[in-house]
Structures are given as C-alpha cells and as structure tokens.
C-alpha cells in the first residue's frame, strides 16, 4: 500500500469505539491499521477470493527469519573476543 491513501471518516457507537481503543492499547496497533485490516478481511469474506490481492496489500507481510549460519556460535565469538583482547 502506498503512503498516500483515501481518507475515510466513520462514526462508531461508543461501545465499539471503546473496544477499538482497548485493542489498540493492548496490541500497539494503530486504529488506522486495525480498520484497514478489518475492511480487507470483510471484503474478502463478502466477495470471495478475488480480492485476495487487496488483502495482501493491506495485511502486513510475514516476518523474515534470519539465517542462523550467518554468525558463529556464542562460545566461539567469546573465544575470539578474548583471544583478540589478549593480543592487544
């Protein structure tokens, strides 16, 4: 999704607004992000899988995992550190 988007104003009843605020406070998500994800899920559920691209654009991508082989084991790094300190 691009930075520039369409602004949409929505009136919420007080109970729904309070539930949204509690959810955002607990999860750290923004109200905008929660509403975007909810709209994407609703549209996909109502229209079928044809709006899957919309959902993928709005929902955050899964986190990438770092490769473990990139660094030596902790014990090896500590040995290298101590060896380096001794030679200075």
PDB file of N, CA and C in Angstrom:
ATOM      1  N   UNK A   1       0.836  -1.170   0.000  1.00  0.00           N
ATOM      2  CA  UNK A   1       0.000   0.000   0.000  1.00  0.00           C
ATOM      3  C   UNK A   1       0.881   1.235   0.000  1.00  0.00           C
ATOM      4  N   UNK A   2       0.469   2.240  -0.727  1.00  0.00           N
ATOM      5  CA  UNK A   2       1.260   3.456  -0.811  1.00  0.00           C
ATOM      6  C   UNK A   2       1.003   4.337   0.400  1.00  0.00           C
ATOM      7  N   UNK A   3       1.871   5.309   0.612  1.00  0.00           N
ATOM      8  CA  UNK A   3       1.708   6.231   1.730  1.00  0.00           C
ATOM      9  C   UNK A   3       0.465   7.085   1.566  1.00  0.00           C
ATOM     10  N   UNK A   4       0.250   7.601   0.367  1.00  0.00           N
ATOM     11  CA  UNK A   4      -0.923   8.428   0.132  1.00  0.00           C
ATOM     12  C   UNK A   4      -2.118   7.512  -0.078  1.00  0.00           C
ATOM     13  N   UNK A   5      -3.184   7.774   0.632  1.00  0.00           N
ATOM     14  CA  UNK A   5      -4.374   6.935   0.519  1.00  0.00           C
ATOM     15  C   UNK A   5      -5.613   7.782   0.635  1.00  0.00           C
ATOM     16  N   UNK A   6      -6.727   7.142   0.529  1.00  0.00           N
ATOM     17  CA  UNK A   6      -8.008   7.823   0.651  1.00  0.00           C
ATOM     18  C   UNK A   6      -8.382   7.930   2.115  1.00  0.00           C
ATOM     19  N   UNK A   7      -8.844   9.091   2.511  1.00  0.00           N
ATOM     20  CA  UNK A   7      -9.285   9.309   3.875  1.00  0.00           C
ATOM     21  C   UNK A   7     -10.761   8.966   3.960  1.00  0.00           C
ATOM     22  N   UNK A   8     -11.130   8.234   5.003  1.00  0.00           N
ATOM     23  CA  UNK A   8     -12.494   7.803   5.209  1.00  0.00           C
ATOM     24  C   UNK A   8     -12.881   8.096   6.649  1.00  0.00           C
ATOM     25  N   UNK A   9     -13.957   8.817   6.853  1.00  0.00           N
ATOM     26  CA  UNK A   9     -14.450   9.089   8.196  1.00  0.00           C
ATOM     27  C   UNK A   9     -15.597   8.138   8.482  1.00  0.00           C
ATOM     28  N   UNK A  10     -15.572   7.548   9.668  1.00  0.00           N
ATOM     29  CA  UNK A  10     -16.597   6.584  10.055  1.00  0.00           C
ATOM     30  C   UNK A  10     -17.071   6.918  11.463  1.00  0.00           C
ATOM     31  N   UNK A  11     -18.375   6.885  11.667  1.00  0.00           N
ATOM     32  CA  UNK A  11     -18.923   7.070  13.010  1.00  0.00           C
ATOM     33  C   UNK A  11     -19.065   5.710  13.669  1.00  0.00           C
ATOM     34  N   UNK A  12     -18.551   5.603  14.877  1.00  0.00           N
ATOM     35  CA  UNK A  12     -18.647   4.362  15.645  1.00  0.00           C
ATOM     36  C   UNK A  12     -19.488   4.614  16.887  1.00  0.00           C
ATOM     37  N   UNK A  13     -20.269   3.605  17.279  1.00  0.00           N
ATOM     38  CA  UNK A  13     -21.002   3.767  18.536  1.00  0.00           C
ATOM     39  C   UNK A  13     -19.983   3.706  19.674  1.00  0.00           C
ATOM     40  N   UNK A  14     -20.297   4.284  20.822  1.00  0.00           N
ATOM     41  CA  UNK A  14     -19.313   4.386  21.910  1.00  0.00           C
ATOM     42  C   UNK A  14     -18.722   3.046  22.357  1.00  0.00           C
ATOM     43  N   UNK A  15     -19.528   1.983  22.376  1.00  0.00           N
ATOM     44  CA  UNK A  15     -19.010   0.684  22.813  1.00  0.00           C
ATOM     45  C   UNK A  15     -17.974   0.147  21.827  1.00  0.00           C
ATOM     46  N   UNK A  16     -18.239   0.286  20.538  1.00  0.00           N
ATOM     47  CA  UNK A  16     -17.297  -0.188  19.521  1.00  0.00           C
ATOM     48  C   UNK A  16     -16.021   0.656  19.529  1.00  0.00           C
ATOM     49  N   UNK A  17     -16.183   1.962  19.713  1.00  0.00           N
ATOM     50  CA  UNK A  17     -15.015   2.841  19.774  1.00  0.00           C
ATOM     51  C   UNK A  17     -14.140   2.493  20.984  1.00  0.00           C
ATOM     52  N   UNK A  18     -14.756   2.192  22.109  1.00  0.00           N
ATOM     53  CA  UNK A  18     -14.003   1.825  23.311  1.00  0.00           C
ATOM     54  C   UNK A  18     -13.284   0.496  23.101  1.00  0.00           C
ATOM     55  N   UNK A  19     -13.957  -0.455  22.456  1.00  0.00           N
ATOM     56  CA  UNK A  19     -13.326  -1.750  22.185  1.00  0.00           C
ATOM     57  C   UNK A  19     -12.133  -1.575  21.246  1.00  0.00           C
ATOM     58  N   UNK A  20     -12.274  -0.716  20.258  1.00  0.00           N
ATOM     59  CA  UNK A  20     -11.172  -0.447  19.335  1.00  0.00           C
ATOM     60  C   UNK A  20      -9.987   0.176  20.076  1.00  0.00           C
ATOM     61  N   UNK A  21     -10.254   1.132  20.934  1.00  0.00           N
ATOM     62  CA  UNK A  21      -9.185   1.772  21.705  1.00  0.00           C
ATOM     63  C   UNK A  21      -8.476   0.774  22.614  1.00  0.00           C
ATOM     64  N   UNK A  22      -9.243  -0.105  23.285  1.00  0.00           N
ATOM     65  CA  UNK A  22      -8.638  -1.121  24.149  1.00  0.00           C
ATOM     66  C   UNK A  22      -7.748  -2.061  23.342  1.00  0.00           C
ATOM     67  N   UNK A  23      -8.249  -2.481  22.193  1.00  0.00           N
ATOM     68  CA  UNK A  23      -7.469  -3.385  21.343  1.00  0.00           C
ATOM     69  C   UNK A  23      -6.164  -2.727  20.902  1.00  0.00           C
ATOM     70  N   UNK A  24      -6.251  -1.480  20.486  1.00  0.00           N
ATOM     71  CA  UNK A  24      -5.045  -0.763  20.037  1.00  0.00           C
ATOM     72  C   UNK A  24      -4.050  -0.581  21.179  1.00  0.00           C
ATOM     73  N   UNK A  25      -4.558  -0.297  22.377  1.00  0.00           N
ATOM     74  CA  UNK A  25      -3.671  -0.123  23.530  1.00  0.00           C
ATOM     75  C   UNK A  25      -2.983  -1.439  23.894  1.00  0.00           C
ATOM     76  N   UNK A  26      -3.702  -2.550  23.784  1.00  0.00           N
ATOM     77  CA  UNK A  26      -3.131  -3.848  24.143  1.00  0.00           C
ATOM     78  C   UNK A  26      -2.135  -4.350  23.107  1.00  0.00           C
ATOM     79  N   UNK A  27      -2.419  -4.126  21.831  1.00  0.00           N
ATOM     80  CA  UNK A  27      -1.578  -4.688  20.779  1.00  0.00           C
ATOM     81  C   UNK A  27      -0.531  -3.721  20.243  1.00  0.00           C
ATOM     82  N   UNK A  28      -0.719  -2.432  20.473  1.00  0.00           N
ATOM     83  CA  UNK A  28       0.209  -1.441  19.925  1.00  0.00           C
ATOM     84  C   UNK A  28      -0.087  -1.092  18.475  1.00  0.00           C
ATOM     85  N   UNK A  29      -1.151  -1.647  17.926  1.00  0.00           N
ATOM     86  CA  UNK A  29      -1.534  -1.347  16.547  1.00  0.00           C
ATOM     87  C   UNK A  29      -2.230   0.016  16.495  1.00  0.00           C
ATOM     88  N   UNK A  30      -2.164   0.657  15.344  1.00  0.00           N
ATOM     89  CA  UNK A  30      -2.860   1.924  15.189  1.00  0.00           C
ATOM     90  C   UNK A  30      -4.311   1.662  14.800  1.00  0.00           C
ATOM     91  N   UNK A  31      -5.160   2.623  15.087  1.00  0.00           N
ATOM     92  CA  UNK A  31      -6.573   2.481  14.694  1.00  0.00           C
ATOM     93  C   UNK A  31      -6.687   2.332  13.190  1.00  0.00           C
ATOM     94  N   UNK A  32      -5.902   3.087  12.459  1.00  0.00           N
ATOM     95  CA  UNK A  32      -5.941   3.034  11.009  1.00  0.00           C
ATOM     96  C   UNK A  32      -5.612   1.636  10.500  1.00  0.00           C
ATOM     97  N   UNK A  33      -4.554   1.024  11.058  1.00  0.00           N
ATOM     98  CA  UNK A  33      -4.143  -0.304  10.616  1.00  0.00           C
ATOM     99  C   UNK A  33      -5.218  -1.350  10.938  1.00  0.00           C
ATOM    100  N   UNK A  34      -5.827  -1.248  12.115  1.00  0.00           N
ATOM    101  CA  UNK A  34      -6.876  -2.202  12.500  1.00  0.00           C
ATOM    102  C   UNK A  34      -8.066  -2.083  11.553  1.00  0.00           C
ATOM    103  N   UNK A  35      -8.460  -0.853  11.232  1.00  0.00           N
ATOM    104  CA  UNK A  35      -9.598  -0.650  10.332  1.00  0.00           C
ATOM    105  C   UNK A  35      -9.253  -1.137   8.926  1.00  0.00           C
ATOM    106  N   UNK A  36      -8.034  -0.878   8.452  1.00  0.00           N
ATOM    107  CA  UNK A  36      -7.623  -1.353   7.126  1.00  0.00           C
ATOM    108  C   UNK A  36      -7.675  -2.876   7.050  1.00  0.00           C
ATOM    109  N   UNK A  37      -7.132  -3.543   8.066  1.00  0.00           N
ATOM    110  CA  UNK A  37      -7.140  -4.998   8.072  1.00  0.00           C
ATOM    111  C   UNK A  37      -8.564  -5.543   8.157  1.00  0.00           C
ATOM    112  N   UNK A  38      -9.385  -4.903   8.970  1.00  0.00           N
ATOM    113  CA  UNK A  38     -10.770  -5.350   9.115  1.00  0.00           C
ATOM    114  C   UNK A  38     -11.536  -5.190   7.807  1.00  0.00           C
ATOM    115  N   UNK A  39     -11.332  -4.076   7.134  1.00  0.00           N
ATOM    116  CA  UNK A  39     -12.004  -3.861   5.848  1.00  0.00           C
ATOM    117  C   UNK A  39     -11.547  -4.884   4.815  1.00  0.00           C
ATOM    118  N   UNK A  40     -10.270  -5.163   4.766  1.00  0.00           N
ATOM    119  CA  UNK A  40      -9.748  -6.144   3.810  1.00  0.00           C
ATOM    120  C   UNK A  40     -10.350  -7.517   4.084  1.00  0.00           C
ATOM    121  N   UNK A  41     -10.391  -7.920   5.346  1.00  0.00           N
ATOM    122  CA  UNK A  41     -10.962  -9.214   5.704  1.00  0.00           C
ATOM    123  C   UNK A  41     -12.447  -9.267   5.367  1.00  0.00           C
ATOM    124  N   UNK A  42     -13.172  -8.205   5.633  1.00  0.00           N
ATOM    125  CA  UNK A  42     -14.604  -8.154   5.339  1.00  0.00           C
ATOM    126  C   UNK A  42     -14.845  -8.260   3.833  1.00  0.00           C
ATOM    127  N   UNK A  43     -14.094  -7.491   3.051  1.00  0.00           N
ATOM    128  CA  UNK A  43     -14.295  -7.512   1.603  1.00  0.00           C
ATOM    129  C   UNK A  43     -13.962  -8.865   0.997  1.00  0.00           C
ATOM    130  N   UNK A  44     -12.932  -9.508   1.495  1.00  0.00           N
ATOM    131  CA  UNK A  44     -12.584 -10.833   1.004  1.00  0.00           C
ATOM    132  C   UNK A  44     -13.683 -11.830   1.375  1.00  0.00           C
ATOM    133  N   UNK A  45     -14.191 -11.735   2.597  1.00  0.00           N
ATOM    134  CA  UNK A  45     -15.246 -12.654   3.032  1.00  0.00           C
ATOM    135  C   UNK A  45     -16.528 -12.446   2.229  1.00  0.00           C
ATOM    136  N   UNK A  46     -16.846 -11.213   1.886  1.00  0.00           N
ATOM    137  CA  UNK A  46     -18.075 -10.924   1.159  1.00  0.00           C
ATOM    138  C   UNK A  46     -17.960 -11.201  -0.332  1.00  0.00           C
ATOM    139  N   UNK A  47     -16.799 -10.957  -0.899  1.00  0.00           N
ATOM    140  CA  UNK A  47     -16.643 -11.056  -2.346  1.00  0.00           C
ATOM    141  C   UNK A  47     -15.913 -12.311  -2.796  1.00  0.00           C
ATOM    142  N   UNK A  48     -15.360 -13.055  -1.891  1.00  0.00           N
ATOM    143  CA  UNK A  48     -14.640 -14.248  -2.268  1.00  0.00           C
ATOM    144  C   UNK A  48     -13.165 -13.973  -2.489  1.00  0.00           C
ATOM    145  N   UNK A  49     -12.457 -14.956  -2.991  1.00  0.00           N
ATOM    146  CA  UNK A  49     -11.008 -14.835  -3.110  1.00  0.00           C
ATOM    147  C   UNK A  49     -10.531 -13.861  -4.183  1.00  0.00           C
ATOM    148  N   UNK A  50     -11.433 -13.249  -4.929  1.00  0.00           N
ATOM    149  CA  UNK A  50     -10.994 -12.320  -5.972  1.00  0.00           C
ATOM    150  C   UNK A  50     -10.344 -11.065  -5.391  1.00  0.00           C
ATOM    151  N   UNK A  51     -10.608 -10.771  -4.139  1.00  0.00           N
ATOM    152  CA  UNK A  51      -9.987  -9.601  -3.512  1.00  0.00           C
ATOM    153  C   UNK A  51      -8.768  -9.979  -2.678  1.00  0.00           C
ATOM    154  N   UNK A  52      -8.207 -11.143  -2.954  1.00  0.00           N
ATOM    155  CA  UNK A  52      -7.025 -11.579  -2.215  1.00  0.00           C
ATOM    156  C   UNK A  52      -5.860 -10.627  -2.375  1.00  0.00           C
ATOM    157  N   UNK A  53      -5.725 -10.046  -3.547  1.00  0.00           N
ATOM    158  CA  UNK A  53      -4.642  -9.086  -3.763  1.00  0.00           C
ATOM    159  C   UNK A  53      -4.806  -7.871  -2.865  1.00  0.00           C
ATOM    160  N   UNK A  54      -6.055  -7.445  -2.662  1.00  0.00           N
ATOM    161  CA  UNK A  54      -6.307  -6.316  -1.763  1.00  0.00           C
ATOM    162  C   UNK A  54      -5.885  -6.672  -0.349  1.00  0.00           C
ATOM    163  N   UNK A  55      -6.241  -7.855   0.092  1.00  0.00           N
ATOM    164  CA  UNK A  55      -5.867  -8.282   1.444  1.00  0.00           C
ATOM    165  C   UNK A  55      -4.360  -8.362   1.588  1.00  0.00           C
ATOM    166  N   UNK A  56      -3.669  -8.891   0.592  1.00  0.00           N
ATOM    167  CA  UNK A  56      -2.217  -8.978   0.659  1.00  0.00           C
ATOM    168  C   UNK A  56      -1.578  -7.598   0.699  1.00  0.00           C
ATOM    169  N   UNK A  57      -2.199  -6.641   0.025  1.00  0.00           N
ATOM    170  CA  UNK A  57      -1.653  -5.285   0.017  1.00  0.00           C
ATOM    171  C   UNK A  57      -1.838  -4.598   1.367  1.00  0.00           C
ATOM    172  N   UNK A  58      -2.913  -4.937   2.071  1.00  0.00           N
ATOM    173  CA  UNK A  58      -3.208  -4.254   3.325  1.00  0.00           C
ATOM    174  C   UNK A  58      -2.646  -4.961   4.553  1.00  0.00           C
ATOM    175  N   UNK A  59      -2.609  -6.285   4.528  1.00  0.00           N
ATOM    176  CA  UNK A  59      -2.126  -7.025   5.681  1.00  0.00           C
ATOM    177  C   UNK A  59      -0.605  -7.020   5.685  1.00  0.00           C
ATOM    178  N   UNK A  60      -0.004  -6.952   6.871  1.00  0.00           N
ATOM    179  CA  UNK A  60       1.457  -6.911   6.914  1.00  0.00           C
ATOM    180  C   UNK A  60       2.051  -8.236   6.453  1.00  0.00           C
ATOM    181  N   UNK A  61       3.203  -8.186   5.782  1.00  0.00           N
ATOM    182  CA  UNK A  61       3.832  -9.424   5.328  1.00  0.00           C
ATOM    183  C   UNK A  61       4.382 -10.197   6.522  1.00  0.00           C
ATOM    184  N   UNK A  62       4.527 -11.514   6.399  1.00  0.00           N
ATOM    185  CA  UNK A  62       5.101 -12.284   7.500  1.00  0.00           C
ATOM    186  C   UNK A  62       6.550 -11.879   7.732  1.00  0.00           C
ATOM    187  N   UNK A  63       6.972 -11.945   8.959  1.00  0.00           N
ATOM    188  CA  UNK A  63       8.338 -11.549   9.317  1.00  0.00           C
ATOM    189  C   UNK A  63       9.334 -12.532   8.736  1.00  0.00           C
ATOM    190  N   UNK A  64      10.446 -12.000   8.252  1.00  0.00           N
ATOM    191  CA  UNK A  64      11.500 -12.846   7.701  1.00  0.00           C
ATOM    192  C   UNK A  64      12.398 -13.308   8.838  1.00  0.00           C
ATOM    193  N   UNK A  65      12.815 -14.549   8.760  1.00  0.00           N
ATOM    194  CA  UNK A  65      13.703 -15.091   9.783  1.00  0.00           C
ATOM    195  C   UNK A  65      15.146 -14.969   9.315  1.00  0.00           C
ATOM    196  N   UNK A  66      16.002 -14.610  10.234  1.00  0.00           N
ATOM    197  CA  UNK A  66      17.424 -14.517   9.924  1.00  0.00           C
ATOM    198  C   UNK A  66      18.031 -15.894   9.848  1.00  0.00           C
ATOM    199  N   UNK A  67      18.992 -16.047   8.975  1.00  0.00           N
ATOM    200  CA  UNK A  67      19.699 -17.317   8.863  1.00  0.00           C
ATOM    201  C   UNK A  67      20.626 -17.491  10.062  1.00  0.00           C
ATOM    202  N   UNK A  68      20.607 -18.652  10.659  1.00  0.00           N
ATOM    203  CA  UNK A  68      21.449 -18.903  11.827  1.00  0.00           C
ATOM    204  C   UNK A  68      22.915 -19.078  11.455  1.00  0.00           C
ATOM    205  N   UNK A  69      23.199 -19.514  10.260  1.00  0.00           N
ATOM    206  CA  UNK A  69      24.574 -19.787   9.853  1.00  0.00           C
ATOM    207  C   UNK A  69      25.376 -18.505   9.631  1.00  0.00           C
ATOM    208  N   UNK A  70      24.749 -17.353   9.712  1.00  0.00           N
ATOM    209  CA  UNK A  70      25.441 -16.100   9.430  1.00  0.00           C
ATOM    210  C   UNK A  70      26.467 -15.756  10.507  1.00  0.00           C
ATOM    211  N   UNK A  71      26.255 -16.223  11.743  1.00  0.00           N
ATOM    212  CA  UNK A  71      27.169 -15.908  12.837  1.00  0.00           C
ATOM    213  C   UNK A  71      27.687 -17.191  13.476  1.00  0.00           C
ATOM    214  N   UNK A  72      28.925 -17.167  13.965  1.00  0.00           N
ATOM    215  CA  UNK A  72      29.414 -18.348  14.675  1.00  0.00           C
ATOM    216  C   UNK A  72      28.690 -18.484  16.011  1.00  0.00           C
ATOM    217  N   UNK A  73      28.736 -19.638  16.619  1.00  0.00           N
ATOM    218  CA  UNK A  73      28.078 -19.824  17.912  1.00  0.00           C
ATOM    219  C   UNK A  73      28.611 -18.850  18.961  1.00  0.00           C
ATOM    220  N   UNK A  74      27.831 -18.613  19.992  1.00  0.00           N
ATOM    221  CA  UNK A  74      28.178 -17.631  21.022  1.00  0.00           C
ATOM    222  C   UNK A  74      29.517 -17.955  21.671  1.00  0.00           C
ATOM    223  N   UNK A  75      29.764 -19.213  22.002  1.00  0.00           N
ATOM    224  CA  UNK A  75      31.006 -19.595  22.658  1.00  0.00           C
ATOM    225  C   UNK A  75      32.206 -19.280  21.764  1.00  0.00           C
ATOM    226  N   UNK A  76      32.079 -19.533  20.472  1.00  0.00           N
ATOM    227  CA  UNK A  76      33.171 -19.239  19.535  1.00  0.00           C
ATOM    228  C   UNK A  76      33.421 -17.733  19.457  1.00  0.00           C
ATOM    229  N   UNK A  77      32.355 -16.942  19.435  1.00  0.00           N
ATOM    230  CA  UNK A  77      32.520 -15.482  19.384  1.00  0.00           C
ATOM    231  C   UNK A  77      33.227 -14.993  20.644  1.00  0.00           C
ATOM    232  N   UNK A  78      32.895 -15.565  21.819  1.00  0.00           N
ATOM    233  CA  UNK A  78      33.516 -15.151  23.062  1.00  0.00           C
ATOM    234  C   UNK A  78      35.005 -15.509  23.049  1.00  0.00           C
ATOM    235  N   UNK A  79      35.334 -16.716  22.575  1.00  0.00           N
ATOM    236  CA  UNK A  79      36.741 -17.112  22.487  1.00  0.00           C
ATOM    237  C   UNK A  79      37.514 -16.167  21.582  1.00  0.00           C
ATOM    238  N   UNK A  80      36.918 -15.821  20.446  1.00  0.00           N
ATOM    239  CA  UNK A  80      37.581 -14.896  19.526  1.00  0.00           C
ATOM    240  C   UNK A  80      37.782 -13.535  20.178  1.00  0.00           C
ATOM    241  N   UNK A  81      36.796 -13.080  20.942  1.00  0.00           N
ATOM    242  CA  UNK A  81      36.889 -11.794  21.626  1.00  0.00           C
ATOM    243  C   UNK A  81      38.035 -11.820  22.647  1.00  0.00           C
ATOM    244  N   UNK A  82      38.101 -12.874  23.458  1.00  0.00           N
ATOM    245  CA  UNK A  82      39.149 -12.975  24.486  1.00  0.00           C
ATOM    246  C   UNK A  82      40.517 -13.062  23.819  1.00  0.00           C
ATOM    247  N   UNK A  83      40.636 -13.868  22.781  1.00  0.00           N
ATOM    248  CA  UNK A  83      41.898 -14.008  22.049  1.00  0.00           C
ATOM    249  C   UNK A  83      42.349 -12.673  21.493  1.00  0.00           C
ATOM    250  N   UNK A  84      41.418 -11.913  20.940  1.00  0.00           N
ATOM    251  CA  UNK A  84      41.744 -10.601  20.390  1.00  0.00           C
ATOM    252  C   UNK A  84      42.204  -9.646  21.475  1.00  0.00           C
ATOM    253  N   UNK A  85      41.552  -9.679  22.630  1.00  0.00           N
ATOM    254  CA  UNK A  85      41.932  -8.799  23.743  1.00  0.00           C
ATOM    255  C   UNK A  85      43.329  -9.132  24.253  1.00  0.00           C
ATOM    256  N   UNK A  86      43.679 -10.411  24.306  1.00  0.00           N
ATOM    257  CA  UNK A  86      44.998 -10.825  24.794  1.00  0.00           C
ATOM    258  C   UNK A  86      46.111 -10.369  23.872  1.00  0.00           C
ATOM    259  N   UNK A  87      45.832 -10.300  22.601  1.00  0.00           N
ATOM    260  CA  UNK A  87      46.882  -9.942  21.620  1.00  0.00           C
ATOM    261  C   UNK A  87      47.057  -8.436  21.456  1.00  0.00           C
ATOM    262  N   UNK A  88      46.319  -7.645  22.170  1.00  0.00           N
ATOM    263  CA  UNK A  88      46.475  -6.177  22.046  1.00  0.00           C
ATOM    264  C   UNK A  88      47.480  -5.643  22.991  1.00  0.00           C
TER     265      UNK A  88
END
